[in-house]
Amino acid sequence: MTQSSTIRLAIVAVTALAFNSFPITGSAQDNALSPQEFADTAAASNTFEIEADGVAMEKAKDEAARTFAKDMISDHENAGLALAMAAKEDNIQVDVTLDEQHRKQLDALKAASETDFDQAYLSTQVLAHEEAVKLFDEYAQSNNSGALKSFAEKTLGTLRAHNVRIHGLTKK
């Protein structure tokens, strides 16, 4: 197995681990995240997006991937501000640091070789946006109320659009 294959496999494994350990299971009402859990999970995901997109701006060779990364930085910075405002309104403190899974994903992405980077980045983005759509959809459908739920409902459409866009880029 070549080094690039090993790195690609590591990125997929770390991403799959993070996806499979995602804290939402069962129906939205039965296992809804608390507002604090949603805010922390959404913030960690958002921070990962911004940092991964920053790495892509430096390392991506494909112009479409670079354009996507630039757009994601802008959208996720705005989402981070909206999340902070909603959390404040709901009296929730938000932790914007990366959790362990996102840190491992980011480290694997940074370690990807020049030839494998674009594919590694796009694969990471597919799973990150699928996770985000699931998180926001389930929180929006939960029995929770307040500004964070409204934020989840409002942001869900944008996340779905990101998900469609990244899937389109991977089909090229």
N, C-alpha and C. Protein backbone atom coordinates (compact mmCIF):
# COMPACT_ATOMS: atom_id res chain seq x y z
N MET A 1 0.86 -1.18 0.00
CA MET A 1 0.00 0.00 0.00
C MET A 1 0.90 1.23 0.00
N THR A 2 0.62 2.16 -0.89
CA THR A 2 1.42 3.37 -0.97
C THR A 2 1.08 4.31 0.18
N GLN A 3 1.94 5.28 0.40
CA GLN A 3 1.70 6.26 1.46
C GLN A 3 0.42 7.03 1.20
N SER A 4 0.18 7.40 -0.06
CA SER A 4 -1.04 8.16 -0.37
C SER A 4 -2.28 7.31 -0.14
N SER A 5 -2.22 6.03 -0.44
CA SER A 5 -3.36 5.15 -0.18
C SER A 5 -3.59 5.01 1.31
N THR A 6 -2.53 4.93 2.07
CA THR A 6 -2.63 4.83 3.52
C THR A 6 -3.27 6.09 4.11
N ILE A 7 -2.85 7.25 3.63
CA ILE A 7 -3.41 8.51 4.12
C ILE A 7 -4.88 8.61 3.74
N ARG A 8 -5.21 8.26 2.50
CA ARG A 8 -6.61 8.31 2.06
C ARG A 8 -7.45 7.38 2.93
N LEU A 9 -6.95 6.17 3.19
CA LEU A 9 -7.67 5.22 4.03
C LEU A 9 -7.83 5.77 5.45
N ALA A 10 -6.81 6.42 5.96
CA ALA A 10 -6.89 7.01 7.31
C ALA A 10 -7.95 8.10 7.37
N ILE A 11 -8.02 8.94 6.34
CA ILE A 11 -9.03 10.00 6.32
C ILE A 11 -10.42 9.39 6.29
N VAL A 12 -10.62 8.39 5.46
CA VAL A 12 -11.92 7.75 5.38
C VAL A 12 -12.26 7.09 6.71
N ALA A 13 -11.30 6.42 7.33
CA ALA A 13 -11.55 5.74 8.60
C ALA A 13 -11.89 6.72 9.71
N VAL A 14 -11.13 7.80 9.81
CA VAL A 14 -11.39 8.81 10.85
C VAL A 14 -12.75 9.45 10.62
N THR A 15 -13.06 9.76 9.37
CA THR A 15 -14.34 10.37 9.05
C THR A 15 -15.48 9.40 9.36
N ALA A 16 -15.32 8.15 8.98
CA ALA A 16 -16.36 7.15 9.27
C ALA A 16 -16.53 6.98 10.77
N LEU A 17 -15.44 6.97 11.52
CA LEU A 17 -15.52 6.86 12.97
C LEU A 17 -16.32 8.02 13.54
N ALA A 18 -16.01 9.23 13.07
CA ALA A 18 -16.74 10.40 13.56
C ALA A 18 -18.21 10.31 13.18
N PHE A 19 -18.49 9.89 11.95
CA PHE A 19 -19.87 9.79 11.49
C PHE A 19 -20.63 8.74 12.29
N ASN A 20 -20.00 7.60 12.54
CA ASN A 20 -20.67 6.52 13.27
C ASN A 20 -20.83 6.82 14.75
N SER A 21 -20.01 7.72 15.28
CA SER A 21 -20.14 8.06 16.70
C SER A 21 -20.97 9.30 16.91
N PHE A 22 -21.61 9.76 15.85
CA PHE A 22 -22.47 10.93 15.93
C PHE A 22 -23.52 10.70 17.00
N PRO A 23 -23.79 11.66 17.88
CA PRO A 23 -24.59 11.41 19.07
C PRO A 23 -26.09 11.26 18.87
N ILE A 24 -26.58 11.31 17.64
CA ILE A 24 -28.02 11.23 17.43
C ILE A 24 -28.40 9.83 16.98
N THR A 25 -29.34 9.21 17.71
CA THR A 25 -29.84 7.90 17.32
C THR A 25 -31.33 7.87 17.59
N GLY A 26 -32.04 7.00 16.92
CA GLY A 26 -33.47 6.86 17.15
C GLY A 26 -34.24 8.04 16.60
N SER A 27 -35.48 8.19 17.07
CA SER A 27 -36.31 9.28 16.59
C SER A 27 -35.89 10.59 17.22
N ALA A 28 -36.23 11.67 16.56
CA ALA A 28 -35.85 13.00 17.04
C ALA A 28 -36.41 13.28 18.42
N GLN A 29 -37.68 12.90 18.66
CA GLN A 29 -38.28 13.20 19.95
C GLN A 29 -37.72 12.31 21.07
N ASP A 30 -37.43 11.04 20.76
CA ASP A 30 -36.96 10.12 21.78
C ASP A 30 -35.55 10.44 22.26
N ASN A 31 -34.71 10.86 21.36
CA ASN A 31 -33.30 11.03 21.69
C ASN A 31 -32.79 12.43 21.33
N ALA A 32 -33.63 13.41 21.46
CA ALA A 32 -33.24 14.76 21.07
C ALA A 32 -32.08 15.25 21.92
N LEU A 33 -31.19 15.94 21.26
CA LEU A 33 -30.11 16.58 21.98
C LEU A 33 -30.66 17.74 22.80
N SER A 34 -30.02 17.99 23.91
CA SER A 34 -30.37 19.18 24.68
C SER A 34 -29.88 20.40 23.90
N PRO A 35 -30.37 21.58 24.22
CA PRO A 35 -29.86 22.78 23.56
C PRO A 35 -28.34 22.92 23.71
N GLN A 36 -27.79 22.57 24.87
CA GLN A 36 -26.35 22.66 25.08
C GLN A 36 -25.61 21.68 24.17
N GLU A 37 -26.10 20.44 24.09
CA GLU A 37 -25.45 19.45 23.24
C GLU A 37 -25.52 19.85 21.76
N PHE A 38 -26.67 20.36 21.34
CA PHE A 38 -26.79 20.82 19.96
C PHE A 38 -25.83 21.95 19.68
N ALA A 39 -25.79 22.94 20.56
CA ALA A 39 -24.92 24.10 20.35
C ALA A 39 -23.46 23.68 20.29
N ASP A 40 -23.03 22.82 21.20
CA ASP A 40 -21.64 22.38 21.21
C ASP A 40 -21.29 21.54 19.98
N THR A 41 -22.20 20.65 19.58
CA THR A 41 -21.96 19.80 18.41
C THR A 41 -21.93 20.65 17.14
N ALA A 42 -22.90 21.56 17.02
CA ALA A 42 -22.95 22.44 15.85
C ALA A 42 -21.72 23.34 15.79
N ALA A 43 -21.29 23.85 16.93
CA ALA A 43 -20.12 24.74 16.97
C ALA A 43 -18.85 23.99 16.58
N ALA A 44 -18.67 22.77 17.10
CA ALA A 44 -17.49 21.98 16.74
C ALA A 44 -17.48 21.67 15.25
N SER A 45 -18.65 21.31 14.71
CA SER A 45 -18.77 21.03 13.29
C SER A 45 -18.45 22.27 12.47
N ASN A 46 -18.96 23.40 12.89
CA ASN A 46 -18.74 24.66 12.18
C ASN A 46 -17.27 25.06 12.22
N THR A 47 -16.66 24.92 13.36
CA THR A 47 -15.23 25.24 13.48
C THR A 47 -14.40 24.33 12.58
N PHE A 48 -14.75 23.05 12.55
CA PHE A 48 -14.06 22.11 11.66
C PHE A 48 -14.19 22.56 10.21
N GLU A 49 -15.39 22.93 9.81
CA GLU A 49 -15.61 23.37 8.43
C GLU A 49 -14.69 24.54 8.09
N ILE A 50 -14.66 25.53 8.93
CA ILE A 50 -13.85 26.72 8.66
C ILE A 50 -12.37 26.35 8.58
N GLU A 51 -11.91 25.54 9.50
CA GLU A 51 -10.49 25.16 9.50
C GLU A 51 -10.14 24.27 8.31
N ALA A 52 -11.00 23.30 7.99
CA ALA A 52 -10.75 22.42 6.84
C ALA A 52 -10.77 23.22 5.55
N ASP A 53 -11.68 24.17 5.45
CA ASP A 53 -11.75 25.00 4.25
C ASP A 53 -10.53 25.90 4.14
N GLY A 54 -10.01 26.35 5.26
CA GLY A 54 -8.77 27.12 5.24
C GLY A 54 -7.60 26.30 4.71
N VAL A 55 -7.53 25.04 5.13
CA VAL A 55 -6.49 24.15 4.62
C VAL A 55 -6.67 23.95 3.11
N ALA A 56 -7.91 23.80 2.69
CA ALA A 56 -8.19 23.62 1.25
C ALA A 56 -7.78 24.85 0.45
N MET A 57 -7.96 26.02 1.01
CA MET A 57 -7.56 27.24 0.30
C MET A 57 -6.05 27.25 0.06
N GLU A 58 -5.30 26.62 0.95
CA GLU A 58 -3.85 26.56 0.81
C GLU A 58 -3.39 25.40 -0.07
N LYS A 59 -4.06 24.24 0.01
CA LYS A 59 -3.54 23.03 -0.61
C LYS A 59 -4.29 22.52 -1.83
N ALA A 60 -5.55 22.90 -2.00
CA ALA A 60 -6.34 22.34 -3.10
C ALA A 60 -5.80 22.81 -4.44
N LYS A 61 -5.78 21.89 -5.39
CA LYS A 61 -5.34 22.21 -6.75
C LYS A 61 -6.53 22.47 -7.66
N ASP A 62 -7.63 21.77 -7.41
CA ASP A 62 -8.83 21.90 -8.23
C ASP A 62 -9.51 23.24 -7.94
N GLU A 63 -9.75 24.01 -8.98
CA GLU A 63 -10.34 25.34 -8.81
C GLU A 63 -11.75 25.26 -8.22
N ALA A 64 -12.52 24.26 -8.60
CA ALA A 64 -13.88 24.11 -8.05
C ALA A 64 -13.82 23.82 -6.55
N ALA A 65 -12.85 23.02 -6.12
CA ALA A 65 -12.69 22.75 -4.69
C ALA A 65 -12.29 24.01 -3.94
N ARG A 66 -11.41 24.80 -4.54
CA ARG A 66 -10.98 26.06 -3.91
C ARG A 66 -12.15 27.05 -3.81
N THR A 67 -12.95 27.12 -4.85
CA THR A 67 -14.12 28.01 -4.83
C THR A 67 -15.12 27.56 -3.77
N PHE A 68 -15.34 26.26 -3.70
CA PHE A 68 -16.22 25.71 -2.67
C PHE A 68 -15.70 26.07 -1.28
N ALA A 69 -14.41 25.87 -1.06
CA ALA A 69 -13.81 26.17 0.25
C ALA A 69 -13.99 27.64 0.60
N LYS A 70 -13.75 28.52 -0.36
CA LYS A 70 -13.91 29.97 -0.11
C LYS A 70 -15.35 30.29 0.27
N ASP A 71 -16.29 29.73 -0.46
CA ASP A 71 -17.70 29.97 -0.15
C ASP A 71 -18.08 29.40 1.21
N MET A 72 -17.55 28.23 1.54
CA MET A 72 -17.87 27.61 2.83
C MET A 72 -17.32 28.43 3.99
N ILE A 73 -16.13 29.00 3.83
CA ILE A 73 -15.59 29.84 4.90
C ILE A 73 -16.56 30.98 5.19
N SER A 74 -17.01 31.65 4.15
CA SER A 74 -17.94 32.77 4.33
C SER A 74 -19.24 32.31 4.97
N ASP A 75 -19.84 31.25 4.43
CA ASP A 75 -21.12 30.77 4.95
C ASP A 75 -20.99 30.29 6.39
N HIS A 76 -19.91 29.57 6.69
CA HIS A 76 -19.76 29.02 8.04
C HIS A 76 -19.34 30.08 9.06
N GLU A 77 -18.64 31.11 8.64
CA GLU A 77 -18.38 32.22 9.56
C GLU A 77 -19.70 32.90 9.92
N ASN A 78 -20.55 33.10 8.93
CA ASN A 78 -21.87 33.69 9.21
C ASN A 78 -22.71 32.78 10.10
N ALA A 79 -22.67 31.49 9.82
CA ALA A 79 -23.43 30.54 10.65
C ALA A 79 -22.91 30.53 12.08
N GLY A 80 -21.61 30.65 12.25
CA GLY A 80 -21.04 30.69 13.60
C GLY A 80 -21.53 31.90 14.38
N LEU A 81 -21.62 33.03 13.72
CA LEU A 81 -22.15 34.23 14.38
C LEU A 81 -23.62 34.06 14.74
N ALA A 82 -24.40 33.50 13.81
CA ALA A 82 -25.83 33.28 14.07
C ALA A 82 -26.02 32.27 15.20
N LEU A 83 -25.19 31.23 15.23
CA LEU A 83 -25.26 30.24 16.30
C LEU A 83 -24.95 30.90 17.65
N ALA A 84 -23.93 31.72 17.69
CA ALA A 84 -23.56 32.40 18.94
C ALA A 84 -24.69 33.30 19.44
N MET A 85 -25.32 34.01 18.52
CA MET A 85 -26.43 34.89 18.91
C MET A 85 -27.62 34.09 19.41
N ALA A 86 -27.96 33.00 18.74
CA ALA A 86 -29.07 32.16 19.17
C ALA A 86 -28.78 31.53 20.53
N ALA A 87 -27.57 31.05 20.71
CA ALA A 87 -27.19 30.44 21.98
C ALA A 87 -27.26 31.46 23.11
N LYS A 88 -26.80 32.65 22.86
CA LYS A 88 -26.86 33.70 23.88
C LYS A 88 -28.30 33.99 24.26
N GLU A 89 -29.17 34.05 23.26
CA GLU A 89 -30.60 34.30 23.52
C GLU A 89 -31.20 33.18 24.37
N ASP A 90 -30.72 31.95 24.19
CA ASP A 90 -31.20 30.81 24.97
C ASP A 90 -30.38 30.57 26.24
N ASN A 91 -29.49 31.51 26.56
CA ASN A 91 -28.63 31.40 27.76
C ASN A 91 -27.76 30.15 27.75
N ILE A 92 -27.20 29.85 26.58
CA ILE A 92 -26.32 28.69 26.40
C ILE A 92 -24.92 29.21 26.09
N GLN A 93 -23.93 28.66 26.78
CA GLN A 93 -22.53 28.95 26.48
C GLN A 93 -22.07 27.98 25.40
N VAL A 94 -21.44 28.52 24.35
CA VAL A 94 -21.01 27.68 23.23
C VAL A 94 -19.51 27.46 23.28
N ASP A 95 -19.12 26.20 23.15
CA ASP A 95 -17.71 25.83 23.07
C ASP A 95 -17.37 25.64 21.60
N VAL A 96 -16.53 26.52 21.04
CA VAL A 96 -16.22 26.47 19.61
C VAL A 96 -14.95 25.69 19.30
N THR A 97 -14.38 25.03 20.30
CA THR A 97 -13.17 24.25 20.05
C THR A 97 -13.53 22.95 19.35
N LEU A 98 -12.56 22.41 18.62
CA LEU A 98 -12.77 21.14 17.94
C LEU A 98 -12.84 20.00 18.94
N ASP A 99 -13.76 19.08 18.73
CA ASP A 99 -13.78 17.87 19.53
C ASP A 99 -12.72 16.91 18.97
N GLU A 100 -12.53 15.80 19.65
CA GLU A 100 -11.45 14.88 19.26
C GLU A 100 -11.62 14.33 17.84
N GLN A 101 -12.84 13.94 17.47
CA GLN A 101 -13.05 13.40 16.13
C GLN A 101 -12.74 14.43 15.05
N HIS A 102 -13.20 15.65 15.23
CA HIS A 102 -12.93 16.69 14.24
C HIS A 102 -11.44 17.04 14.18
N ARG A 103 -10.78 17.00 15.33
CA ARG A 103 -9.34 17.27 15.36
C ARG A 103 -8.60 16.19 14.55
N LYS A 104 -8.99 14.94 14.72
CA LYS A 104 -8.36 13.84 13.98
C LYS A 104 -8.63 13.98 12.48
N GLN A 105 -9.85 14.34 12.12
CA GLN A 105 -10.18 14.54 10.71
C GLN A 105 -9.32 15.66 10.12
N LEU A 106 -9.19 16.74 10.85
CA LEU A 106 -8.40 17.88 10.36
C LEU A 106 -6.93 17.50 10.24
N ASP A 107 -6.41 16.78 11.21
CA ASP A 107 -5.01 16.34 11.15
C ASP A 107 -4.78 15.42 9.95
N ALA A 108 -5.73 14.51 9.69
CA ALA A 108 -5.60 13.61 8.54
C ALA A 108 -5.66 14.39 7.24
N LEU A 109 -6.52 15.38 7.18
CA LEU A 109 -6.63 16.21 5.98
C LEU A 109 -5.33 16.99 5.75
N LYS A 110 -4.78 17.53 6.80
CA LYS A 110 -3.51 18.27 6.68
C LYS A 110 -2.38 17.36 6.22
N ALA A 111 -2.44 16.08 6.61
CA ALA A 111 -1.38 15.13 6.27
C ALA A 111 -1.52 14.56 4.87
N ALA A 112 -2.64 14.80 4.21
CA ALA A 112 -2.85 14.25 2.87
C ALA A 112 -1.80 14.80 1.91
N SER A 113 -1.34 13.93 1.04
CA SER A 113 -0.33 14.35 0.06
C SER A 113 -0.95 15.32 -0.94
N GLU A 114 -0.09 16.01 -1.65
CA GLU A 114 -0.54 16.97 -2.66
C GLU A 114 -1.43 16.30 -3.70
N THR A 115 -1.07 15.11 -4.11
CA THR A 115 -1.85 14.42 -5.14
C THR A 115 -3.18 13.89 -4.62
N ASP A 116 -3.27 13.61 -3.33
CA ASP A 116 -4.50 13.08 -2.75
C ASP A 116 -5.37 14.12 -2.07
N PHE A 117 -4.86 15.33 -1.94
CA PHE A 117 -5.56 16.31 -1.11
C PHE A 117 -6.97 16.61 -1.59
N ASP A 118 -7.14 16.92 -2.87
CA ASP A 118 -8.47 17.33 -3.35
C ASP A 118 -9.51 16.25 -3.07
N GLN A 119 -9.18 15.00 -3.36
CA GLN A 119 -10.13 13.91 -3.10
C GLN A 119 -10.38 13.76 -1.60
N ALA A 120 -9.34 13.88 -0.79
CA ALA A 120 -9.50 13.77 0.66
C ALA A 120 -10.40 14.90 1.18
N TYR A 121 -10.17 16.11 0.69
CA TYR A 121 -10.98 17.26 1.11
C TYR A 121 -12.44 17.06 0.73
N LEU A 122 -12.68 16.70 -0.52
CA LEU A 122 -14.06 16.54 -0.98
C LEU A 122 -14.78 15.42 -0.22
N SER A 123 -14.08 14.32 0.03
CA SER A 123 -14.68 13.21 0.79
C SER A 123 -15.02 13.65 2.21
N THR A 124 -14.11 14.39 2.81
CA THR A 124 -14.35 14.90 4.16
C THR A 124 -15.55 15.83 4.18
N GLN A 125 -15.67 16.66 3.16
CA GLN A 125 -16.79 17.60 3.08
C GLN A 125 -18.13 16.91 2.88
N VAL A 126 -18.14 15.84 2.09
CA VAL A 126 -19.39 15.10 1.92
C VAL A 126 -19.89 14.60 3.26
N LEU A 127 -19.04 13.94 4.01
CA LEU A 127 -19.46 13.39 5.30
C LEU A 127 -19.77 14.49 6.31
N ALA A 128 -19.00 15.56 6.31
CA ALA A 128 -19.25 16.66 7.24
C ALA A 128 -20.62 17.28 6.99
N HIS A 129 -20.97 17.46 5.73
CA HIS A 129 -22.26 18.08 5.43
C HIS A 129 -23.41 17.10 5.66
N GLU A 130 -23.19 15.82 5.43
CA GLU A 130 -24.24 14.84 5.76
C GLU A 130 -24.49 14.83 7.27
N GLU A 131 -23.43 14.87 8.04
CA GLU A 131 -23.58 14.93 9.50
C GLU A 131 -24.32 16.18 9.92
N ALA A 132 -23.95 17.32 9.35
CA ALA A 132 -24.57 18.59 9.72
C ALA A 132 -26.06 18.60 9.37
N VAL A 133 -26.40 18.11 8.19
CA VAL A 133 -27.82 18.06 7.81
C VAL A 133 -28.59 17.19 8.80
N LYS A 134 -28.03 16.06 9.16
CA LYS A 134 -28.70 15.16 10.11
C LYS A 134 -28.86 15.85 11.47
N LEU A 135 -27.81 16.47 11.96
CA LEU A 135 -27.87 17.16 13.25
C LEU A 135 -28.94 18.24 13.25
N PHE A 136 -28.90 19.12 12.25
CA PHE A 136 -29.82 20.26 12.21
C PHE A 136 -31.26 19.80 11.95
N ASP A 137 -31.44 18.80 11.11
CA ASP A 137 -32.76 18.29 10.82
C ASP A 137 -33.39 17.70 12.07
N GLU A 138 -32.65 16.87 12.76
CA GLU A 138 -33.21 16.24 13.96
C GLU A 138 -33.45 17.25 15.07
N TYR A 139 -32.58 18.24 15.21
CA TYR A 139 -32.82 19.25 16.24
C TYR A 139 -34.03 20.12 15.85
N ALA A 140 -34.16 20.45 14.58
CA ALA A 140 -35.29 21.25 14.12
C ALA A 140 -36.62 20.52 14.35
N GLN A 141 -36.60 19.19 14.29
CA GLN A 141 -37.81 18.41 14.49
C GLN A 141 -38.04 18.02 15.95
N SER A 142 -37.12 18.36 16.83
CA SER A 142 -37.21 17.96 18.23
C SER A 142 -38.28 18.77 18.96
N ASN A 143 -38.52 18.37 20.19
CA ASN A 143 -39.48 19.07 21.05
C ASN A 143 -38.86 20.31 21.70
N ASN A 144 -37.61 20.59 21.41
CA ASN A 144 -36.98 21.79 21.95
C ASN A 144 -37.63 23.02 21.33
N SER A 145 -37.48 24.14 21.99
CA SER A 145 -37.98 25.40 21.45
C SER A 145 -36.90 26.45 21.68
N GLY A 146 -37.13 27.64 21.19
CA GLY A 146 -36.20 28.73 21.44
C GLY A 146 -35.41 29.12 20.22
N ALA A 147 -34.46 30.00 20.45
CA ALA A 147 -33.67 30.58 19.36
C ALA A 147 -32.79 29.54 18.68
N LEU A 148 -32.26 28.58 19.41
CA LEU A 148 -31.42 27.55 18.78
C LEU A 148 -32.24 26.69 17.82
N LYS A 149 -33.47 26.37 18.19
CA LYS A 149 -34.31 25.59 17.28
C LYS A 149 -34.61 26.42 16.03
N SER A 150 -34.92 27.69 16.20
CA SER A 150 -35.16 28.56 15.05
C SER A 150 -33.92 28.65 14.17
N PHE A 151 -32.76 28.75 14.80
CA PHE A 151 -31.49 28.77 14.06
C PHE A 151 -31.33 27.48 13.25
N ALA A 152 -31.61 26.34 13.87
CA ALA A 152 -31.49 25.05 13.17
C ALA A 152 -32.44 25.01 11.97
N GLU A 153 -33.66 25.45 12.18
CA GLU A 153 -34.65 25.44 11.09
C GLU A 153 -34.21 26.35 9.94
N LYS A 154 -33.72 27.54 10.27
CA LYS A 154 -33.30 28.51 9.24
C LYS A 154 -32.04 28.07 8.51
N THR A 155 -31.15 27.40 9.20
CA THR A 155 -29.85 27.03 8.63
C THR A 155 -29.93 25.74 7.81
N LEU A 156 -30.92 24.94 8.07
CA LEU A 156 -31.03 23.63 7.42
C LEU A 156 -31.04 23.71 5.90
N GLY A 157 -31.74 24.67 5.33
CA GLY A 157 -31.79 24.81 3.88
C GLY A 157 -30.42 25.08 3.28
N THR A 158 -29.65 25.94 3.94
CA THR A 158 -28.30 26.24 3.47
C THR A 158 -27.42 25.00 3.54
N LEU A 159 -27.53 24.26 4.63
CA LEU A 159 -26.74 23.04 4.77
C LEU A 159 -27.11 22.00 3.70
N ARG A 160 -28.38 21.91 3.41
CA ARG A 160 -28.81 20.98 2.35
C ARG A 160 -28.25 21.41 1.00
N ALA A 161 -28.24 22.72 0.75
CA ALA A 161 -27.67 23.23 -0.50
C ALA A 161 -26.17 22.93 -0.57
N HIS A 162 -25.46 23.10 0.55
CA HIS A 162 -24.03 22.75 0.60
C HIS A 162 -23.85 21.27 0.28
N ASN A 163 -24.72 20.44 0.86
CA ASN A 163 -24.61 19.00 0.67
C ASN A 163 -24.81 18.64 -0.81
N VAL A 164 -25.79 19.22 -1.45
CA VAL A 164 -26.03 18.98 -2.87
C VAL A 164 -24.82 19.44 -3.68
N ARG A 165 -24.31 20.60 -3.34
CA ARG A 165 -23.18 21.16 -4.09
C ARG A 165 -21.94 20.28 -3.96
N ILE A 166 -21.62 19.82 -2.75
CA ILE A 166 -20.42 19.00 -2.57
C ILE A 166 -20.59 17.65 -3.25
N HIS A 167 -21.78 17.09 -3.24
CA HIS A 167 -22.01 15.83 -3.96
C HIS A 167 -21.80 16.05 -5.46
N GLY A 168 -22.21 17.20 -5.96
CA GLY A 168 -21.98 17.51 -7.38
C GLY A 168 -20.51 17.60 -7.72
N LEU A 169 -19.72 18.15 -6.82
CA LEU A 169 -18.28 18.26 -7.06
C LEU A 169 -17.60 16.90 -7.06
N THR A 170 -18.11 15.97 -6.28
CA THR A 170 -17.46 14.65 -6.21
C THR A 170 -17.81 13.79 -7.41
N LYS A 171 -18.79 14.18 -8.19
CA LYS A 171 -19.20 13.40 -9.37
C LYS A 171 -18.46 13.82 -10.64
N LYS A 172 -17.59 14.80 -10.51
CA LYS A 172 -16.85 15.27 -11.70
C LYS A 172 -15.82 14.24 -12.12
